Protein backbone atom coordinates (compact mmCIF):
# COMPACT_ATOMS: atom_id res chain seq x y z
CA MET A 1 -7.80 -13.62 -7.71
CA ASP A 2 -8.65 -17.32 -6.76
CA LEU A 3 -7.67 -17.35 -3.44
CA LYS A 4 -6.88 -21.09 -3.49
CA ASP A 5 -3.43 -22.08 -2.90
CA LYS A 6 -2.54 -18.14 -2.73
CA ILE A 7 0.00 -16.99 -0.48
CA ILE A 8 -0.97 -14.07 1.66
CA LEU A 9 0.81 -12.36 4.60
CA THR A 10 -1.59 -10.76 7.36
CA THR A 11 -0.37 -8.23 9.89
CA GLY A 12 -1.85 -8.00 12.99
CA GLY A 13 -3.14 -11.52 12.64
CA SER A 14 -3.39 -13.02 16.08
CA ALA A 15 -6.97 -11.16 17.31
CA GLY A 16 -9.62 -9.11 15.80
CA ILE A 17 -9.93 -8.21 12.05
CA GLY A 18 -6.81 -9.49 11.67
CA LEU A 19 -7.33 -12.97 12.45
CA ALA A 20 -10.97 -13.33 11.25
CA THR A 21 -9.41 -12.05 7.46
CA ALA A 22 -6.71 -14.98 8.03
CA ILE A 23 -9.19 -17.49 8.87
CA MET A 24 -11.71 -17.01 5.99
CA LEU A 25 -8.59 -16.68 3.17
CA ARG A 26 -7.73 -20.21 5.18
CA GLU A 27 -10.82 -21.32 4.36
CA LYS A 28 -10.72 -20.37 0.86
CA GLY A 29 -7.91 -22.40 0.49
CA ALA A 30 -4.99 -19.78 0.65
CA GLN A 31 -1.74 -20.30 2.61
CA VAL A 32 -1.81 -18.01 5.23
CA ILE A 33 1.03 -16.04 7.22
CA ILE A 34 0.12 -14.21 10.64
CA THR A 35 2.57 -11.45 12.05
CA ALA A 36 1.99 -10.17 15.52
CA ARG A 37 3.84 -8.48 18.36
CA ASN A 38 2.72 -11.28 21.05
CA GLN A 39 4.13 -14.61 20.15
CA GLU A 40 2.46 -16.57 22.81
CA LYS A 41 -1.05 -15.12 21.31
CA LEU A 42 0.13 -15.43 17.92
CA ASP A 43 1.45 -19.32 18.07
CA LYS A 44 -2.22 -20.49 19.65
CA ALA A 45 -4.20 -18.37 16.77
CA ALA A 46 -2.13 -20.25 14.53
CA ALA A 47 -2.02 -23.59 15.76
CA GLU A 48 -6.03 -23.40 16.37
CA HIS A 49 -7.07 -22.17 12.67
CA ASP A 50 -4.11 -24.02 10.71
CA LEU A 51 -2.17 -20.53 9.67
CA ILE A 52 1.63 -19.98 9.21
CA ALA A 53 3.48 -17.90 12.42
CA ILE A 54 6.32 -15.35 12.12
CA GLN A 55 6.66 -13.08 15.19
CA GLY A 56 7.68 -9.40 14.42
CA ASP A 57 6.82 -5.88 15.16
CA VAL A 58 5.47 -4.22 12.08
CA SER A 59 7.29 -0.56 13.52
CA ARG A 60 10.64 -2.26 14.05
CA GLU A 61 12.86 -2.42 10.22
CA GLU A 62 14.79 -5.25 11.39
CA ASP A 63 11.55 -7.48 12.17
CA VAL A 64 10.26 -6.56 8.65
CA GLN A 65 13.28 -7.44 6.88
CA ARG A 66 13.46 -10.84 8.89
CA ILE A 67 9.57 -11.71 8.35
CA TYR A 68 9.93 -10.98 4.50
CA ALA A 69 13.68 -13.47 4.83
CA GLU A 70 11.38 -15.93 6.42
CA ILE A 71 8.72 -16.22 3.35
CA ARG A 72 11.44 -15.89 0.59
CA GLN A 73 12.94 -18.83 2.49
CA ARG A 74 10.01 -21.12 2.89
CA PHE A 75 7.73 -20.06 -0.18
CA ASN A 76 9.91 -17.78 -2.46
CA ARG A 77 6.43 -16.05 -3.60
CA LEU A 78 3.90 -13.64 -1.72
CA ASP A 79 0.46 -13.05 -3.58
CA ALA A 80 -0.74 -10.60 -1.21
CA LEU A 81 -0.13 -8.65 1.58
CA ILE A 82 -2.48 -7.29 3.93
CA ASN A 83 -1.34 -4.15 5.87
CA ASN A 84 -4.07 -4.70 9.51
CA ALA A 85 -1.32 -3.72 12.11
CA GLY A 86 -2.64 -0.81 14.08
CA TYR A 87 -3.92 0.40 17.26
CA GLY A 88 -5.60 3.56 18.48
CA TYR A 89 -4.38 6.32 20.95
CA PHE A 90 -7.14 9.13 22.01
CA ASP A 91 -6.58 12.26 23.69
CA LEU A 92 -7.09 16.34 23.22
CA LEU A 93 -4.47 18.07 21.91
CA GLU A 94 -4.00 20.18 25.54
CA ASN A 95 -3.11 16.83 26.64
CA MET A 96 -0.96 15.17 23.74
CA ASP A 97 1.60 12.81 24.83
CA ARG A 98 4.46 12.65 21.97
CA GLU A 99 5.70 9.53 22.85
CA LYS A 100 2.49 7.87 22.39
CA PHE A 101 1.49 9.98 19.71
CA GLU A 102 4.97 9.21 17.79
CA ALA A 103 4.54 5.18 18.26
CA VAL A 104 1.00 4.90 16.75
CA PHE A 105 2.46 6.88 13.91
CA ALA A 106 5.39 4.31 13.97
CA THR A 107 3.18 1.43 13.42
CA ASN A 108 0.11 2.51 11.88
CA VAL A 109 1.52 4.84 8.95
CA THR A 110 5.58 3.81 9.17
CA GLY A 111 4.84 -0.27 9.91
CA ALA A 112 2.87 -0.04 7.11
CA MET A 113 5.30 1.33 4.93
CA LEU A 114 8.12 -0.91 5.60
CA MET A 115 5.78 -4.10 5.40
CA ALA A 116 4.64 -2.80 1.60
CA ARG A 117 8.31 -1.90 0.58
CA GLU A 118 9.74 -5.15 1.64
CA ALA A 119 6.93 -6.96 -0.45
CA LEU A 120 7.26 -5.13 -3.72
CA PRO A 121 10.42 -6.99 -4.96
CA PHE A 122 8.51 -10.07 -4.61
CA PHE A 123 5.49 -8.51 -6.93
CA LYS A 124 7.85 -6.58 -9.38
CA SER A 125 9.66 -10.05 -10.38
CA ARG A 126 6.42 -11.32 -10.97
CA GLN A 127 4.83 -7.97 -12.56
CA TYR A 128 1.83 -9.39 -9.93
CA GLY A 129 0.84 -8.30 -6.36
CA ASN A 130 -1.78 -6.94 -4.02
CA ILE A 131 -1.74 -4.44 -1.19
CA VAL A 132 -4.86 -4.27 0.78
CA ASN A 133 -4.42 -1.56 3.52
CA ILE A 134 -6.93 -1.31 6.48
CA SER A 135 -7.86 2.14 7.45
CA SER A 136 -11.02 3.18 9.28
CA THR A 137 -13.97 5.82 8.75
CA ALA A 138 -11.34 7.90 11.16
CA GLY A 139 -9.33 8.39 7.82
CA LEU A 140 -12.43 10.18 6.36
CA LYS A 141 -13.25 12.67 8.89
CA GLY A 142 -11.95 13.74 11.99
CA PHE A 143 -13.31 13.80 15.53
CA ALA A 144 -12.52 15.19 19.46
CA ARG A 145 -9.90 13.39 20.83
CA GLY A 146 -9.00 11.76 17.25
CA GLY A 147 -5.84 13.62 16.48
CA ALA A 148 -3.22 11.29 16.45
CA TYR A 149 -5.42 8.21 15.38
CA SER A 150 -7.10 9.60 12.61
CA ALA A 151 -4.05 11.39 11.36
CA THR A 152 -2.67 8.35 10.79
CA LYS A 153 -5.29 6.97 8.93
CA PHE A 154 -5.45 9.85 6.70
CA ALA A 155 -1.98 9.35 5.94
CA LEU A 156 -2.56 5.72 5.38
CA LYS A 157 -5.23 6.97 2.96
CA ALA A 158 -2.77 8.99 1.17
CA MET A 159 0.00 6.69 0.86
CA THR A 160 -2.68 4.07 -0.44
CA GLU A 161 -3.51 6.74 -3.28
CA CYS A 162 0.39 7.21 -3.90
CA TRP A 163 1.18 3.59 -4.02
CA ARG A 164 -1.40 2.85 -6.28
CA ALA A 165 -0.64 5.66 -8.87
CA GLU A 166 3.24 3.94 -8.76
CA LEU A 167 2.52 0.16 -8.96
CA ARG A 168 -0.39 0.04 -11.39
CA PRO A 169 1.97 -0.08 -13.94
CA TYR A 170 3.19 -3.48 -12.67
CA ASN A 171 -0.27 -5.38 -12.41
CA ILE A 172 -0.14 -4.63 -8.46
CA ARG A 173 -3.28 -3.79 -6.88
CA VAL A 174 -3.69 -1.30 -4.19
CA MET A 175 -6.56 -1.20 -1.93
CA LEU A 176 -8.24 0.42 0.96
CA ILE A 177 -10.71 -0.79 3.33
CA ASN A 178 -12.57 1.88 5.61
CA PRO A 179 -14.06 0.15 8.27
CA SER A 180 -16.50 2.10 11.05
CA GLU A 181 -16.35 0.94 14.60
CA VAL A 182 -15.83 -3.07 14.74
CA GLN A 183 -16.60 -5.31 17.61
CA THR A 184 -12.92 -6.43 18.58
CA ASP A 185 -10.36 -5.72 21.38
CA PHE A 186 -9.25 -1.99 19.77
CA VAL A 187 -11.54 -0.09 21.98
CA VAL A 188 -9.18 -1.56 25.11
CA ASN A 189 -6.25 -1.83 23.67
CA SER A 190 -6.43 1.92 22.98
CA GLY A 191 -6.77 2.57 27.22
CA ARG A 192 -10.82 2.91 27.09
CA GLU A 193 -12.99 0.82 29.04
CA ALA A 194 -14.66 -2.31 27.65
CA ARG A 195 -18.05 -1.85 25.45
CA GLU A 196 -20.72 -4.45 25.68
CA TYR A 197 -21.47 -6.52 22.57
CA ASN A 198 -23.86 -4.82 20.60
CA PRO A 199 -25.42 -7.45 17.67
CA THR A 200 -26.06 -4.25 15.54
CA LYS A 201 -22.76 -2.84 15.37
CA LEU A 202 -19.84 -4.53 12.77
CA GLN A 203 -18.15 -7.58 13.66
CA ALA A 204 -14.37 -8.49 12.27
CA GLU A 205 -15.97 -11.06 10.07
CA ASP A 206 -17.99 -8.40 8.06
CA ILE A 207 -14.48 -6.62 7.57
CA ALA A 208 -13.19 -10.17 6.48
CA HIS A 209 -15.64 -10.31 4.16
CA ALA A 210 -14.56 -7.05 2.59
CA VAL A 211 -11.00 -7.98 2.09
CA CYS A 212 -11.82 -11.22 0.73
CA ALA A 213 -14.31 -9.99 -1.72
CA ALA A 214 -11.96 -7.22 -2.89
CA LEU A 215 -9.43 -9.85 -3.63
CA GLU A 216 -11.01 -11.95 -5.07
CA MET A 217 -12.01 -9.24 -8.37
CA ASN A 218 -10.88 -10.50 -11.35
CA ASP A 219 -7.13 -9.37 -11.77
CA ARG A 220 -8.28 -7.56 -14.98
CA GLY A 221 -9.98 -4.70 -12.32
CA PHE A 222 -10.01 -3.79 -8.68
CA ILE A 223 -12.10 -2.20 -6.21
CA THR A 224 -9.79 1.13 -4.99
CA GLU A 225 -11.46 2.18 -1.68
CA LEU A 226 -14.29 0.27 0.32
CA THR A 227 -15.95 1.88 3.36
CA VAL A 228 -18.31 -0.40 5.58
CA PHE A 229 -20.94 0.71 7.66
CA ALA A 230 -23.44 -0.88 10.00
CA VAL A 231 -26.58 -0.84 8.61
CA ASN A 232 -28.51 0.99 12.22
CA PRO A 233 -26.24 0.60 15.09
CA GLN A 234 -28.11 1.15 18.03
CA GLY A 235 -26.56 2.67 21.41
């Protein structure tokens, strides 16, 4: 896909991987819509990087429908959805908080489903579209204290495979990106202590590059799944 003038929607677009991806897509000529819950951060990111902001919480069905209604009114077209919105909750099974457990599923899993579901009328009407789900290597292998977060990413992988089987006849490419540890606010937002910047570990721009590369492949083919590791992380 030639990214120039394409209409691309990125969730969780006010910071981290979402913002880095939106910036790179915009640099390549796409018109990029970013969504996030925090209106102030969203507007600031959009103003600084020539992006289009539509506030919304992907876990709220009414917000998702409002986001797409505005896209239909302004563009009446969508070429790609990047399902990036998500966060982490980490604890031992014996300490698992049901409310927090269900909340992380509401964003990471249900939110991704709602966003993809509402994108389908745009894609099916043109017999063309792209869905990129940002998962994690936590969706490939479980680990201690990862019961909630890892489960959401395993679920996202499963949904990706199911949607791919359903949507290929409509020329809709469904792709999965699995980053390993990326240096963003993810750790702090999950309630853990901040970590010092480590130049040997991945940055958000590395995942943005992977997303853009996957989208830029000629439409006759697609990368089903792409996992990104740091080459030789220290510390």
